[in-house]
Amino acid sequence: MRIEATKAFRRLMKKQDAEARLRLFEAMNLAAVTFGQPHLHSGRGIRELGKRGMYECRASIDSRLLFKREADVLLFEFEGTHDEVRAWLKNRS
């Protein structure tokens, strides 16, 4: 599984400090390696969010990543807290 990021997600990452960017990149890679293998990705908290085709995974205790699966690519679209993720999803519906 490959990983890609939308332009908006890349802009979010650029605003982070080096340590936060590393944490996000590690979470993205772990999601790609374990996606579709429930026993492996349970610690990452990967889960489908309703019928929107969106998935969520934990980057840290207070940071979530939103992504879509498109063929063999995980396309990361947003990073934020639980409340920020809910607001972002609500604005997209």
Protein backbone atom coordinates (compact mmCIF):
# COMPACT_ATOMS: atom_id res chain seq x y z
CA MET A 1 0.00 0.00 0.00
CA ARG A 2 1.36 3.42 -0.95
CA ILE A 3 0.68 6.68 0.87
CA GLU A 4 -0.15 10.05 -0.64
CA ALA A 5 -1.38 13.32 0.81
CA THR A 6 -3.67 16.01 -0.52
CA LYS A 7 -2.28 19.53 -0.94
CA ALA A 8 -4.29 20.64 2.09
CA PHE A 9 -2.78 17.83 4.20
CA ARG A 10 0.74 18.71 3.05
CA ARG A 11 0.11 22.33 4.08
CA LEU A 12 -1.02 21.12 7.52
CA MET A 13 2.15 19.05 7.88
CA LYS A 14 4.39 22.00 6.96
CA LYS A 15 2.93 23.96 9.87
CA GLN A 16 3.99 21.26 12.34
CA ASP A 17 7.36 21.17 14.06
CA ALA A 18 9.86 18.47 13.05
CA GLU A 19 8.89 16.11 15.88
CA ALA A 20 5.18 16.34 15.06
CA ARG A 21 5.86 15.80 11.34
CA LEU A 22 7.87 12.69 12.15
CA ARG A 23 5.05 11.37 14.36
CA LEU A 24 2.50 11.96 11.58
CA PHE A 25 4.69 10.36 8.94
CA GLU A 26 5.27 7.30 11.14
CA ALA A 27 1.51 6.96 11.70
CA MET A 28 0.88 7.23 7.96
CA ASN A 29 3.45 4.52 7.20
CA LEU A 30 2.11 2.20 9.91
CA ALA A 31 -1.41 2.66 8.55
CA ALA A 32 -0.21 1.72 5.06
CA VAL A 33 1.65 -1.36 6.29
CA THR A 34 -1.18 -2.66 8.47
CA PHE A 35 -4.28 -1.54 6.52
CA GLY A 36 -6.63 -4.47 5.91
CA GLN A 37 -5.03 -6.62 8.60
CA PRO A 38 -7.24 -6.09 11.68
CA HIS A 39 -4.98 -7.96 14.09
CA LEU A 40 -2.05 -5.73 13.19
CA HIS A 41 -3.80 -2.37 12.96
CA SER A 42 -5.88 -2.58 16.14
CA GLY A 43 -3.19 -0.67 18.06
CA ARG A 44 -3.30 2.13 15.48
CA GLY A 45 -7.04 2.55 15.92
CA ILE A 46 -7.79 2.27 12.20
CA ARG A 47 -11.51 2.30 11.64
CA GLU A 48 -13.96 3.11 8.90
CA LEU A 49 -16.11 6.18 9.51
CA GLY A 50 -19.61 5.27 8.43
CA LYS A 51 -20.36 4.92 4.75
CA ARG A 52 -18.32 7.93 3.66
CA GLY A 53 -15.37 5.88 2.47
CA MET A 54 -13.20 7.67 5.02
CA TYR A 55 -10.97 6.00 7.59
CA GLU A 56 -9.40 7.29 10.77
CA CYS A 57 -6.22 6.29 12.57
CA ARG A 58 -4.48 7.59 15.66
CA ALA A 59 -1.22 9.48 15.28
CA SER A 60 -1.04 10.10 19.04
CA ILE A 61 -3.35 10.20 22.02
CA ASP A 62 -4.87 13.50 20.85
CA SER A 63 -4.20 13.46 17.09
CA ARG A 64 -6.21 11.67 14.40
CA LEU A 65 -5.54 11.22 10.70
CA LEU A 66 -8.30 10.94 8.11
CA PHE A 67 -7.71 9.11 4.85
CA LYS A 68 -9.40 7.34 1.95
CA ARG A 69 -8.40 4.15 0.23
CA GLU A 70 -8.11 4.48 -3.54
CA ALA A 71 -6.96 1.21 -5.12
CA ASP A 72 -3.49 0.57 -3.65
CA VAL A 73 -3.12 4.10 -2.19
CA LEU A 74 -4.06 5.57 1.16
CA LEU A 75 -4.81 9.25 0.49
CA PHE A 76 -4.43 11.30 3.68
CA GLU A 77 -6.68 14.35 3.83
CA PHE A 78 -6.80 15.76 7.37
CA GLU A 79 -5.08 15.74 10.76
CA GLY A 80 -6.59 17.05 13.97
CA THR A 81 -8.06 16.37 17.38
CA HIS A 82 -11.21 14.30 17.80
CA ASP A 83 -13.36 17.45 17.80
CA GLU A 84 -11.57 18.94 14.78
CA VAL A 85 -12.09 15.69 12.86
CA ARG A 86 -15.82 15.69 13.67
CA ALA A 87 -16.14 19.32 12.53
CA TRP A 88 -14.18 18.63 9.31
CA LEU A 89 -16.38 15.64 8.49
CA LYS A 90 -19.54 17.60 9.27
CA ASN A 91 -18.48 20.40 6.91
CA ARG A 92 -17.87 17.88 4.11
CA SER A 93 -21.33 16.28 4.28
